[in-house]
Amino acid sequence: MGRHDRLQSVCVFCGSSDAADPQFLAAAGDLGRALAADKLRLVYGGGGVGLMGATARAAHEAGGEVLGIIPTFLVGRERALDTVETIVVTSMHERKQIMFERSDAFVILPGGIGTLEEVVELLSWRRLDLHAKPVVFYNPRGFWQPLFALFQHTVDEQLTPANFMDAWTSVERVEDIVPALHGRPALASPPAEAVTRIT
């Protein structure tokens, strides 16, 4: 997909815990509505819990197209939504592969170890030039800053090339996510640090 081609589908990686900060859950809902408003299909992990469920329900209720991909063993644990199109697969590897193939861009919301695994694989593939799809981190209160610092540490130790730090964009406001996916600056006069390229 070329840089100027119209995005059609956006994959969201995020936490599946209902115990997450209510502000994170609310932001996930805001993102779902923003994707629907921009006619972007949401591709996500298929569950109905945590930020994952909040994003999908909000997108669906706002009239957006939603595609969930979930492995059989998580259908019950993550309470797969029966209100949206869902593909049930046999493994986590198959889940991630289909999510990748069906998406033109990626958004990373706060999440735990599962989200970290998805992010590291996605960025590793980017590092290997296997894709050039936009990647946007939603970074409220510096949530992802420790991860960015670890990436920078690997650069400083000459284990990762410096240009890897240009592989994603980080935004601090949920309303800046969709503009960042399109490579546009923030729409509304945010603080100067609200949309930052990590360098």
N, C-alpha and C. Protein backbone atom coordinates (compact mmCIF):
# COMPACT_ATOMS: atom_id res chain seq x y z
N MET A 1 0.84 -1.20 0.00
CA MET A 1 0.00 0.00 0.00
C MET A 1 0.87 1.24 0.00
N GLY A 2 0.62 2.16 -0.90
CA GLY A 2 1.40 3.38 -0.99
C GLY A 2 1.04 4.37 0.11
N ARG A 3 1.97 5.27 0.35
CA ARG A 3 1.79 6.25 1.41
C ARG A 3 0.52 7.07 1.24
N HIS A 4 0.12 7.32 -0.02
CA HIS A 4 -1.02 8.21 -0.27
C HIS A 4 -2.32 7.45 -0.55
N ASP A 5 -2.26 6.12 -0.51
CA ASP A 5 -3.49 5.35 -0.70
C ASP A 5 -4.40 5.55 0.50
N ARG A 6 -5.70 5.46 0.26
CA ARG A 6 -6.68 5.64 1.33
C ARG A 6 -6.66 4.45 2.27
N LEU A 7 -6.52 4.73 3.55
CA LEU A 7 -6.61 3.66 4.54
C LEU A 7 -8.04 3.14 4.56
N GLN A 8 -8.17 1.84 4.70
CA GLN A 8 -9.49 1.23 4.79
C GLN A 8 -9.71 0.50 6.10
N SER A 9 -8.67 -0.15 6.61
CA SER A 9 -8.80 -0.95 7.82
C SER A 9 -7.68 -0.62 8.79
N VAL A 10 -8.03 -0.52 10.07
CA VAL A 10 -7.06 -0.21 11.11
C VAL A 10 -7.13 -1.28 12.19
N CYS A 11 -6.00 -1.89 12.47
CA CYS A 11 -5.91 -2.88 13.54
C CYS A 11 -5.59 -2.16 14.85
N VAL A 12 -6.31 -2.52 15.90
CA VAL A 12 -6.06 -1.95 17.23
C VAL A 12 -5.58 -3.06 18.15
N PHE A 13 -4.39 -2.88 18.70
CA PHE A 13 -3.86 -3.76 19.73
C PHE A 13 -4.04 -3.06 21.06
N CYS A 14 -4.57 -3.77 22.06
CA CYS A 14 -4.83 -3.13 23.35
C CYS A 14 -5.12 -4.17 24.42
N GLY A 15 -5.28 -3.70 25.65
CA GLY A 15 -5.51 -4.58 26.78
C GLY A 15 -6.90 -5.21 26.78
N SER A 16 -6.99 -6.38 27.42
CA SER A 16 -8.26 -7.09 27.51
C SER A 16 -8.73 -7.22 28.95
N SER A 17 -8.26 -6.30 29.81
CA SER A 17 -8.64 -6.36 31.22
C SER A 17 -9.71 -5.33 31.55
N ASP A 18 -10.81 -5.78 32.16
CA ASP A 18 -11.86 -4.86 32.59
C ASP A 18 -11.43 -4.02 33.78
N ALA A 19 -10.30 -4.38 34.41
CA ALA A 19 -9.79 -3.63 35.55
C ALA A 19 -8.94 -2.44 35.12
N ALA A 20 -8.83 -2.21 33.83
CA ALA A 20 -8.02 -1.10 33.32
C ALA A 20 -8.58 0.24 33.80
N ASP A 21 -7.72 1.24 33.82
CA ASP A 21 -8.09 2.60 34.18
C ASP A 21 -9.33 3.01 33.39
N PRO A 22 -10.39 3.50 34.06
CA PRO A 22 -11.60 3.93 33.34
C PRO A 22 -11.31 4.96 32.25
N GLN A 23 -10.29 5.77 32.44
CA GLN A 23 -9.95 6.75 31.40
C GLN A 23 -9.43 6.04 30.14
N PHE A 24 -8.70 4.94 30.32
CA PHE A 24 -8.24 4.17 29.17
C PHE A 24 -9.43 3.53 28.46
N LEU A 25 -10.37 2.99 29.23
CA LEU A 25 -11.55 2.37 28.64
C LEU A 25 -12.38 3.39 27.87
N ALA A 26 -12.52 4.59 28.44
CA ALA A 26 -13.28 5.65 27.77
C ALA A 26 -12.58 6.07 26.48
N ALA A 27 -11.25 6.16 26.52
CA ALA A 27 -10.50 6.54 25.33
C ALA A 27 -10.65 5.48 24.24
N ALA A 28 -10.70 4.21 24.64
CA ALA A 28 -10.89 3.14 23.66
C ALA A 28 -12.23 3.31 22.95
N GLY A 29 -13.27 3.65 23.71
CA GLY A 29 -14.57 3.92 23.10
C GLY A 29 -14.52 5.10 22.16
N ASP A 30 -13.81 6.15 22.57
CA ASP A 30 -13.67 7.32 21.71
C ASP A 30 -12.98 6.95 20.40
N LEU A 31 -11.96 6.09 20.49
CA LEU A 31 -11.26 5.67 19.28
C LEU A 31 -12.19 4.88 18.36
N GLY A 32 -12.98 3.97 18.93
CA GLY A 32 -13.92 3.20 18.12
C GLY A 32 -14.86 4.10 17.35
N ARG A 33 -15.38 5.13 18.02
CA ARG A 33 -16.29 6.07 17.35
C ARG A 33 -15.56 6.88 16.28
N ALA A 34 -14.31 7.25 16.56
CA ALA A 34 -13.54 8.03 15.59
C ALA A 34 -13.25 7.20 14.34
N LEU A 35 -12.95 5.93 14.51
CA LEU A 35 -12.71 5.06 13.35
C LEU A 35 -13.97 4.93 12.51
N ALA A 36 -15.11 4.74 13.19
CA ALA A 36 -16.39 4.63 12.46
C ALA A 36 -16.69 5.92 11.70
N ALA A 37 -16.45 7.06 12.34
CA ALA A 37 -16.73 8.35 11.70
C ALA A 37 -15.87 8.56 10.47
N ASP A 38 -14.66 8.00 10.48
CA ASP A 38 -13.74 8.15 9.35
C ASP A 38 -13.88 7.01 8.35
N LYS A 39 -14.91 6.18 8.53
CA LYS A 39 -15.18 5.05 7.62
C LYS A 39 -14.00 4.08 7.56
N LEU A 40 -13.35 3.90 8.69
CA LEU A 40 -12.25 2.95 8.78
C LEU A 40 -12.74 1.69 9.48
N ARG A 41 -12.54 0.56 8.86
CA ARG A 41 -12.92 -0.71 9.48
C ARG A 41 -11.98 -1.01 10.64
N LEU A 42 -12.54 -1.40 11.77
CA LEU A 42 -11.74 -1.83 12.92
C LEU A 42 -11.45 -3.32 12.79
N VAL A 43 -10.18 -3.66 12.86
CA VAL A 43 -9.74 -5.05 12.96
C VAL A 43 -9.16 -5.21 14.35
N TYR A 44 -9.65 -6.19 15.09
CA TYR A 44 -9.19 -6.31 16.48
C TYR A 44 -9.24 -7.77 16.91
N GLY A 45 -8.86 -8.02 18.16
CA GLY A 45 -8.68 -9.37 18.65
C GLY A 45 -9.93 -10.17 18.95
N GLY A 46 -11.11 -9.62 18.71
CA GLY A 46 -12.34 -10.39 18.77
C GLY A 46 -13.03 -10.49 20.10
N GLY A 47 -12.40 -10.01 21.17
CA GLY A 47 -12.99 -10.16 22.50
C GLY A 47 -13.93 -9.02 22.86
N GLY A 48 -14.69 -9.25 23.93
CA GLY A 48 -15.63 -8.23 24.39
C GLY A 48 -15.24 -7.63 25.72
N VAL A 49 -13.99 -7.83 26.14
CA VAL A 49 -13.55 -7.36 27.45
C VAL A 49 -12.49 -6.27 27.30
N GLY A 50 -12.33 -5.50 28.37
CA GLY A 50 -11.28 -4.49 28.43
C GLY A 50 -11.36 -3.44 27.34
N LEU A 51 -10.20 -2.86 27.03
CA LEU A 51 -10.14 -1.84 25.98
C LEU A 51 -10.55 -2.42 24.64
N MET A 52 -10.26 -3.71 24.44
CA MET A 52 -10.61 -4.38 23.20
C MET A 52 -12.12 -4.33 22.98
N GLY A 53 -12.87 -4.75 23.99
CA GLY A 53 -14.33 -4.74 23.87
C GLY A 53 -14.89 -3.34 23.76
N ALA A 54 -14.30 -2.41 24.51
CA ALA A 54 -14.80 -1.03 24.49
C ALA A 54 -14.64 -0.41 23.10
N THR A 55 -13.50 -0.67 22.46
CA THR A 55 -13.27 -0.14 21.12
C THR A 55 -14.26 -0.73 20.12
N ALA A 56 -14.42 -2.04 20.16
CA ALA A 56 -15.28 -2.73 19.19
C ALA A 56 -16.74 -2.36 19.36
N ARG A 57 -17.23 -2.34 20.59
CA ARG A 57 -18.64 -1.99 20.81
C ARG A 57 -18.93 -0.58 20.35
N ALA A 58 -18.02 0.35 20.67
CA ALA A 58 -18.24 1.75 20.28
C ALA A 58 -18.23 1.91 18.78
N ALA A 59 -17.30 1.24 18.10
CA ALA A 59 -17.25 1.33 16.64
C ALA A 59 -18.52 0.75 16.03
N HIS A 60 -18.94 -0.40 16.52
CA HIS A 60 -20.15 -1.05 15.99
C HIS A 60 -21.39 -0.20 16.22
N GLU A 61 -21.53 0.32 17.45
CA GLU A 61 -22.71 1.13 17.78
C GLU A 61 -22.74 2.43 17.00
N ALA A 62 -21.56 2.90 16.55
CA ALA A 62 -21.50 4.13 15.76
C ALA A 62 -21.67 3.85 14.27
N GLY A 63 -21.98 2.60 13.93
CA GLY A 63 -22.21 2.26 12.54
C GLY A 63 -20.98 1.85 11.76
N GLY A 64 -19.88 1.63 12.46
CA GLY A 64 -18.65 1.25 11.79
C GLY A 64 -18.58 -0.24 11.51
N GLU A 65 -17.71 -0.58 10.58
CA GLU A 65 -17.47 -1.99 10.26
C GLU A 65 -16.42 -2.53 11.22
N VAL A 66 -16.67 -3.72 11.75
CA VAL A 66 -15.77 -4.31 12.74
C VAL A 66 -15.49 -5.75 12.36
N LEU A 67 -14.24 -6.14 12.42
CA LEU A 67 -13.84 -7.53 12.20
C LEU A 67 -13.00 -8.00 13.38
N GLY A 68 -13.47 -9.04 14.06
CA GLY A 68 -12.71 -9.63 15.16
C GLY A 68 -12.07 -10.93 14.74
N ILE A 69 -10.88 -11.18 15.23
CA ILE A 69 -10.20 -12.45 14.99
C ILE A 69 -9.79 -13.01 16.34
N ILE A 70 -10.26 -14.20 16.67
CA ILE A 70 -10.02 -14.75 18.00
C ILE A 70 -9.77 -16.25 17.91
N PRO A 71 -8.79 -16.75 18.67
CA PRO A 71 -8.56 -18.20 18.68
C PRO A 71 -9.63 -18.91 19.51
N THR A 72 -9.89 -20.15 19.17
CA THR A 72 -10.94 -20.92 19.82
C THR A 72 -10.82 -20.91 21.34
N PHE A 73 -9.60 -21.07 21.86
CA PHE A 73 -9.44 -21.20 23.30
C PHE A 73 -9.70 -19.91 24.07
N LEU A 74 -9.82 -18.78 23.35
CA LEU A 74 -10.10 -17.50 24.01
C LEU A 74 -11.54 -17.04 23.84
N VAL A 75 -12.34 -17.77 23.09
CA VAL A 75 -13.72 -17.35 22.83
C VAL A 75 -14.48 -17.12 24.13
N GLY A 76 -14.34 -18.04 25.08
CA GLY A 76 -15.02 -17.89 26.35
C GLY A 76 -14.32 -16.92 27.28
N ARG A 77 -13.00 -17.03 27.37
CA ARG A 77 -12.23 -16.21 28.31
C ARG A 77 -12.33 -14.72 27.97
N GLU A 78 -12.27 -14.40 26.69
CA GLU A 78 -12.31 -12.99 26.28
C GLU A 78 -13.71 -12.58 25.80
N ARG A 79 -14.68 -13.46 25.99
CA ARG A 79 -16.09 -13.17 25.70
C ARG A 79 -16.27 -12.54 24.32
N ALA A 80 -16.02 -13.36 23.31
CA ALA A 80 -16.12 -12.90 21.92
C ALA A 80 -17.47 -12.23 21.66
N LEU A 81 -17.44 -11.11 20.97
CA LEU A 81 -18.67 -10.38 20.67
C LEU A 81 -19.44 -11.09 19.56
N ASP A 82 -20.72 -11.33 19.79
CA ASP A 82 -21.53 -11.97 18.75
C ASP A 82 -22.28 -10.95 17.90
N THR A 83 -22.01 -9.67 18.13
CA THR A 83 -22.69 -8.61 17.38
C THR A 83 -21.87 -8.12 16.19
N VAL A 84 -20.62 -8.60 16.07
CA VAL A 84 -19.75 -8.15 14.97
C VAL A 84 -19.23 -9.37 14.22
N GLU A 85 -18.76 -9.14 13.00
CA GLU A 85 -18.17 -10.23 12.23
C GLU A 85 -16.93 -10.74 12.95
N THR A 86 -16.85 -12.05 13.13
CA THR A 86 -15.74 -12.64 13.86
C THR A 86 -15.23 -13.88 13.14
N ILE A 87 -13.91 -13.96 13.02
CA ILE A 87 -13.25 -15.14 12.48
C ILE A 87 -12.63 -15.88 13.66
N VAL A 88 -12.98 -17.16 13.82
CA VAL A 88 -12.40 -17.98 14.89
C VAL A 88 -11.29 -18.82 14.28
N VAL A 89 -10.09 -18.71 14.87
CA VAL A 89 -8.92 -19.39 14.34
C VAL A 89 -8.40 -20.40 15.37
N THR A 90 -7.35 -21.11 15.01
CA THR A 90 -6.87 -22.18 15.88
C THR A 90 -5.71 -21.78 16.78
N SER A 91 -5.03 -20.67 16.47
CA SER A 91 -3.83 -20.33 17.25
C SER A 91 -3.63 -18.82 17.31
N MET A 92 -2.79 -18.40 18.25
CA MET A 92 -2.43 -16.99 18.37
C MET A 92 -1.66 -16.53 17.13
N HIS A 93 -0.83 -17.40 16.59
CA HIS A 93 -0.05 -17.04 15.40
C HIS A 93 -0.98 -16.73 14.23
N GLU A 94 -1.99 -17.58 14.05
CA GLU A 94 -2.94 -17.36 12.96
C GLU A 94 -3.73 -16.08 13.19
N ARG A 95 -4.10 -15.84 14.44
CA ARG A 95 -4.83 -14.60 14.78
C ARG A 95 -4.03 -13.39 14.36
N LYS A 96 -2.76 -13.32 14.78
CA LYS A 96 -1.94 -12.16 14.49
C LYS A 96 -1.67 -12.01 12.99
N GLN A 97 -1.48 -13.13 12.30
CA GLN A 97 -1.21 -13.06 10.87
C GLN A 97 -2.41 -12.48 10.12
N ILE A 98 -3.61 -12.93 10.46
CA ILE A 98 -4.81 -12.42 9.77
C ILE A 98 -5.04 -10.96 10.12
N MET A 99 -4.84 -10.60 11.40
CA MET A 99 -4.99 -9.19 11.78
C MET A 99 -4.04 -8.32 10.96
N PHE A 100 -2.81 -8.79 10.80
CA PHE A 100 -1.84 -8.03 10.02
C PHE A 100 -2.28 -7.92 8.56
N GLU A 101 -2.68 -9.04 7.97
CA GLU A 101 -3.02 -9.06 6.56
C GLU A 101 -4.26 -8.22 6.24
N ARG A 102 -5.19 -8.15 7.17
CA ARG A 102 -6.45 -7.44 6.93
C ARG A 102 -6.37 -5.95 7.28
N SER A 103 -5.20 -5.46 7.67
CA SER A 103 -5.08 -4.08 8.16
C SER A 103 -4.11 -3.26 7.34
N ASP A 104 -4.45 -1.97 7.19
CA ASP A 104 -3.59 -1.03 6.49
C ASP A 104 -2.74 -0.19 7.44
N ALA A 105 -3.10 -0.20 8.73
CA ALA A 105 -2.41 0.61 9.72
C ALA A 105 -2.71 0.02 11.10
N PHE A 106 -1.97 0.48 12.11
CA PHE A 106 -2.08 -0.08 13.45
C PHE A 106 -2.11 1.01 14.50
N VAL A 107 -2.96 0.80 15.50
CA VAL A 107 -3.01 1.68 16.67
C VAL A 107 -2.73 0.84 17.89
N ILE A 108 -1.87 1.35 18.76
CA ILE A 108 -1.52 0.65 19.99
C ILE A 108 -2.06 1.45 21.17
N LEU A 109 -3.05 0.89 21.86
CA LEU A 109 -3.58 1.48 23.08
C LEU A 109 -2.87 0.84 24.27
N PRO A 110 -3.03 1.38 25.47
CA PRO A 110 -2.44 0.73 26.65
C PRO A 110 -2.84 -0.74 26.73
N GLY A 111 -1.91 -1.56 27.16
CA GLY A 111 -2.17 -2.98 27.28
C GLY A 111 -1.08 -3.65 28.09
N GLY A 112 -1.21 -4.95 28.27
CA GLY A 112 -0.28 -5.72 29.07
C GLY A 112 0.66 -6.56 28.22
N ILE A 113 1.02 -7.72 28.74
CA ILE A 113 2.05 -8.53 28.10
C ILE A 113 1.62 -9.00 26.71
N GLY A 114 0.32 -9.28 26.52
CA GLY A 114 -0.14 -9.70 25.20
C GLY A 114 0.01 -8.58 24.17
N THR A 115 -0.31 -7.36 24.58
CA THR A 115 -0.15 -6.21 23.69
C THR A 115 1.33 -5.98 23.38
N LEU A 116 2.18 -6.14 24.40
CA LEU A 116 3.62 -5.99 24.18
C LEU A 116 4.12 -6.99 23.15
N GLU A 117 3.66 -8.22 23.25
CA GLU A 117 4.08 -9.24 22.29
C GLU A 117 3.68 -8.83 20.87
N GLU A 118 2.45 -8.36 20.71
CA GLU A 118 1.97 -7.95 19.39
C GLU A 118 2.78 -6.78 18.84
N VAL A 119 3.05 -5.81 19.71
CA VAL A 119 3.78 -4.61 19.29
C VAL A 119 5.20 -4.95 18.87
N VAL A 120 5.88 -5.75 19.66
CA VAL A 120 7.27 -6.07 19.35
C VAL A 120 7.37 -6.83 18.04
N GLU A 121 6.46 -7.77 17.81
CA GLU A 121 6.48 -8.50 16.54
C GLU A 121 6.20 -7.55 15.37
N LEU A 122 5.19 -6.68 15.53
CA LEU A 122 4.84 -5.73 14.48
C LEU A 122 6.02 -4.83 14.12
N LEU A 123 6.70 -4.32 15.15
CA LEU A 123 7.83 -3.42 14.90
C LEU A 123 9.06 -4.18 14.42
N SER A 124 9.19 -5.43 14.82
CA SER A 124 10.28 -6.26 14.31
C SER A 124 10.11 -6.47 12.81
N TRP A 125 8.87 -6.74 12.39
CA TRP A 125 8.60 -6.90 10.95
C TRP A 125 8.88 -5.59 10.22
N ARG A 126 8.57 -4.47 10.85
CA ARG A 126 8.87 -3.17 10.25
C ARG A 126 10.39 -2.99 10.10
N ARG A 127 11.12 -3.37 11.13
CA ARG A 127 12.58 -3.28 11.13
C ARG A 127 13.17 -4.13 10.00
N LEU A 128 12.53 -5.24 9.68
CA LEU A 128 13.00 -6.14 8.62
C LEU A 128 12.47 -5.77 7.24
N ASP A 129 11.79 -4.60 7.16
CA ASP A 129 11.22 -4.11 5.91
C ASP A 129 10.16 -5.05 5.33
N LEU A 130 9.45 -5.74 6.21
CA LEU A 130 8.36 -6.60 5.76
C LEU A 130 7.06 -5.82 5.60
N HIS A 131 7.01 -4.61 6.12
CA HIS A 131 5.87 -3.74 5.89
C HIS A 131 6.28 -2.30 6.16
N ALA A 132 5.45 -1.37 5.67
CA ALA A 132 5.66 0.06 5.93
C ALA A 132 4.32 0.69 6.34
N LYS A 133 3.50 -0.09 7.02
CA LYS A 133 2.18 0.40 7.43
C LYS A 133 2.31 1.34 8.61
N PRO A 134 1.50 2.41 8.66
CA PRO A 134 1.58 3.35 9.79
C PRO A 134 1.29 2.65 11.12
N VAL A 135 2.06 3.06 12.14
CA VAL A 135 1.88 2.56 13.51
C VAL A 135 1.78 3.78 14.43
N VAL A 136 0.67 3.87 15.16
CA VAL A 136 0.46 5.00 16.07
C VAL A 136 0.22 4.48 17.48
N PHE A 137 1.03 4.95 18.42
CA PHE A 137 0.84 4.64 19.83
C PHE A 137 -0.01 5.73 20.47
N TYR A 138 -1.03 5.33 21.21
CA TYR A 138 -1.73 6.25 22.10
C TYR A 138 -1.01 6.17 23.44
N ASN A 139 -0.43 7.30 23.84
CA ASN A 139 0.53 7.33 24.95
C ASN A 139 0.09 8.25 26.08
N PRO A 140 -1.09 8.00 26.69
CA PRO A 140 -1.57 8.89 27.74
C PRO A 140 -0.70 8.79 28.99
N ARG A 141 -0.39 9.95 29.57
CA ARG A 141 0.43 10.00 30.78
C ARG A 141 1.76 9.27 30.60
N GLY A 142 2.26 9.23 29.38
CA GLY A 142 3.54 8.57 29.13
C GLY A 142 3.51 7.07 29.30
N PHE A 143 2.34 6.45 29.09
CA PHE A 143 2.19 5.02 29.33
C PHE A 143 3.27 4.18 28.64
N TRP A 144 3.57 4.52 27.38
CA TRP A 144 4.51 3.72 26.61
C TRP A 144 5.95 4.21 26.70
N GLN A 145 6.20 5.23 27.50
CA GLN A 145 7.55 5.81 27.56
C GLN A 145 8.61 4.80 27.98
N PRO A 146 8.35 3.91 28.96
CA PRO A 146 9.38 2.92 29.30
C PRO A 146 9.74 2.01 28.13
N LEU A 147 8.77 1.67 27.29
CA LEU A 147 9.06 0.85 26.13
C LEU A 147 9.91 1.62 25.12
N PHE A 148 9.54 2.87 24.89
CA PHE A 148 10.33 3.70 23.97
C PHE A 148 11.77 3.84 24.49
N ALA A 149 11.91 3.97 25.81
CA ALA A 149 13.25 4.10 26.40
C ALA A 149 14.05 2.81 26.19
N LEU A 150 13.38 1.66 26.29
CA LEU A 150 14.07 0.40 26.06
C LEU A 150 14.52 0.29 24.60
N PHE A 151 13.63 0.68 23.69
CA PHE A 151 14.03 0.68 22.27
C PHE A 151 15.25 1.58 22.06
N GLN A 152 15.22 2.78 22.67
CA GLN A 152 16.35 3.70 22.52
C GLN A 152 17.63 3.10 23.11
N HIS A 153 17.49 2.36 24.21
CA HIS A 153 18.64 1.70 24.82
C HIS A 153 19.28 0.71 23.84
N THR A 154 18.46 -0.04 23.11
CA THR A 154 19.02 -0.98 22.13
C THR A 154 19.72 -0.24 21.00
N VAL A 155 19.21 0.95 20.67
CA VAL A 155 19.89 1.78 19.66
C VAL A 155 21.22 2.27 20.21
N ASP A 156 21.19 2.77 21.46
CA ASP A 156 22.41 3.29 22.06
C ASP A 156 23.50 2.23 22.17
N GLU A 157 23.06 0.98 22.36
CA GLU A 157 24.02 -0.13 22.46
C GLU A 157 24.38 -0.70 21.09
N GLN A 158 23.94 -0.01 20.03
CA GLN A 158 24.24 -0.39 18.65
C GLN A 158 23.76 -1.80 18.29
N LEU A 159 22.60 -2.15 18.89
CA LEU A 159 21.96 -3.42 18.57
C LEU A 159 20.77 -3.23 17.64
N THR A 160 20.32 -1.99 17.50
CA THR A 160 19.21 -1.63 16.62
C THR A 160 19.62 -0.36 15.89
N PRO A 161 19.33 -0.24 14.59
CA PRO A 161 19.70 0.99 13.86
C PRO A 161 18.89 2.19 14.35
N ALA A 162 19.50 3.34 14.29
CA ALA A 162 18.86 4.56 14.82
C ALA A 162 17.55 4.88 14.11
N ASN A 163 17.45 4.55 12.81
CA ASN A 163 16.23 4.91 12.08
C ASN A 163 15.02 4.08 12.53
N PHE A 164 15.24 3.05 13.32
CA PHE A 164 14.12 2.29 13.87
C PHE A 164 13.22 3.18 14.70
N MET A 165 13.78 4.20 15.32
CA MET A 165 12.99 5.08 16.19
C MET A 165 12.02 5.95 15.40
N ASP A 166 12.09 5.89 14.08
CA ASP A 166 11.13 6.60 13.22
C ASP A 166 10.00 5.68 12.75
N ALA A 167 9.93 4.47 13.30
CA ALA A 167 8.99 3.46 12.80
C ALA A 167 7.57 3.67 13.30
N TRP A 168 7.36 4.61 14.20
CA TRP A 168 6.02 4.84 14.75
C TRP A 168 5.85 6.30 15.10
N THR A 169 4.60 6.65 15.37
CA THR A 169 4.23 7.97 15.87
C THR A 169 3.56 7.78 17.22
N SER A 170 3.75 8.73 18.12
CA SER A 170 3.13 8.67 19.43
C SER A 170 2.28 9.91 19.65
N VAL A 171 1.05 9.72 20.12
CA VAL A 171 0.17 10.85 20.42
C VAL A 171 -0.36 10.72 21.84
N GLU A 172 -0.66 11.83 22.46
CA GLU A 172 -1.12 11.83 23.84
C GLU A 172 -2.62 12.05 23.98
N ARG A 173 -3.28 12.42 22.89
CA ARG A 173 -4.73 12.64 22.92
C ARG A 173 -5.40 11.69 21.94
N VAL A 174 -6.50 11.11 22.37
CA VAL A 174 -7.15 10.12 21.52
C VAL A 174 -7.66 10.74 20.22
N GLU A 175 -8.04 12.02 20.25
CA GLU A 175 -8.55 12.65 19.04
C GLU A 175 -7.45 12.89 17.99
N ASP A 176 -6.20 12.70 18.39
CA ASP A 176 -5.10 12.87 17.43
C ASP A 176 -4.71 11.56 16.75
N ILE A 177 -5.33 10.45 17.15
CA ILE A 177 -4.93 9.15 16.60
C ILE A 177 -5.24 9.05 15.11
N VAL A 178 -6.49 9.31 14.72
CA VAL A 178 -6.86 9.15 13.31
C VAL A 178 -6.08 10.13 12.42
N PRO A 179 -5.96 11.41 12.78
CA PRO A 179 -5.11 12.28 11.95
C PRO A 179 -3.68 11.76 11.83
N ALA A 180 -3.12 11.20 12.91
CA ALA A 180 -1.76 10.66 12.84
C ALA A 180 -1.68 9.47 11.90
N LEU A 181 -2.74 8.65 11.85
CA LEU A 181 -2.76 7.52 10.91
C LEU A 181 -2.65 8.00 9.47
N HIS A 182 -3.27 9.15 9.21
CA HIS A 182 -3.25 9.71 7.86
C HIS A 182 -2.02 10.60 7.63
N GLY A 183 -1.15 10.69 8.63
CA GLY A 183 0.04 11.51 8.48
C GLY A 183 -0.21 12.98 8.58
N ARG A 184 -1.35 13.34 9.22
CA ARG A 184 -1.70 14.75 9.37
C ARG A 184 -1.37 15.23 10.78
N PRO A 185 -1.06 16.50 10.95
CA PRO A 185 -0.84 17.03 12.29
C PRO A 185 -2.14 17.07 13.08
N ALA A 186 -2.02 17.29 14.37
CA ALA A 186 -3.20 17.38 15.23
C ALA A 186 -4.13 18.46 14.71
N LEU A 187 -5.44 18.22 14.88
CA LEU A 187 -6.44 19.12 14.31
C LEU A 187 -6.65 20.37 15.11
N ALA A 188 -6.49 20.27 16.44
CA ALA A 188 -6.94 21.38 17.28
C ALA A 188 -5.88 22.09 18.07
N SER A 189 -4.97 22.68 17.96
CA SER A 189 -4.08 23.40 18.86
C SER A 189 -3.73 22.70 20.17
N PRO A 190 -3.21 21.48 20.10
CA PRO A 190 -2.83 20.81 21.33
C PRO A 190 -1.49 21.36 21.82
N PRO A 191 -1.08 20.94 23.01
CA PRO A 191 0.28 21.30 23.43
C PRO A 191 1.29 20.77 22.41
N ALA A 192 2.44 21.40 22.34
CA ALA A 192 3.41 21.06 21.31
C ALA A 192 3.81 19.60 21.36
N GLU A 193 3.75 18.99 22.56
CA GLU A 193 4.20 17.60 22.67
C GLU A 193 3.09 16.60 22.37
N ALA A 194 1.91 17.05 22.01
CA ALA A 194 0.78 16.12 21.86
C ALA A 194 0.96 15.14 20.72
N VAL A 195 1.59 15.57 19.64
CA VAL A 195 1.90 14.63 18.56
C VAL A 195 3.41 14.69 18.37
N THR A 196 4.09 13.61 18.69
CA THR A 196 5.54 13.63 18.62
C THR A 196 6.05 12.44 17.85
N ARG A 197 7.05 12.67 17.06
CA ARG A 197 7.77 11.58 16.42
C ARG A 197 8.92 11.25 17.37
N ILE A 198 8.98 10.02 17.81
CA ILE A 198 10.04 9.64 18.75
C ILE A 198 11.34 9.53 17.96
N THR A 199 12.32 10.35 18.33
CA THR A 199 13.59 10.33 17.62
C THR A 199 14.73 10.26 18.60
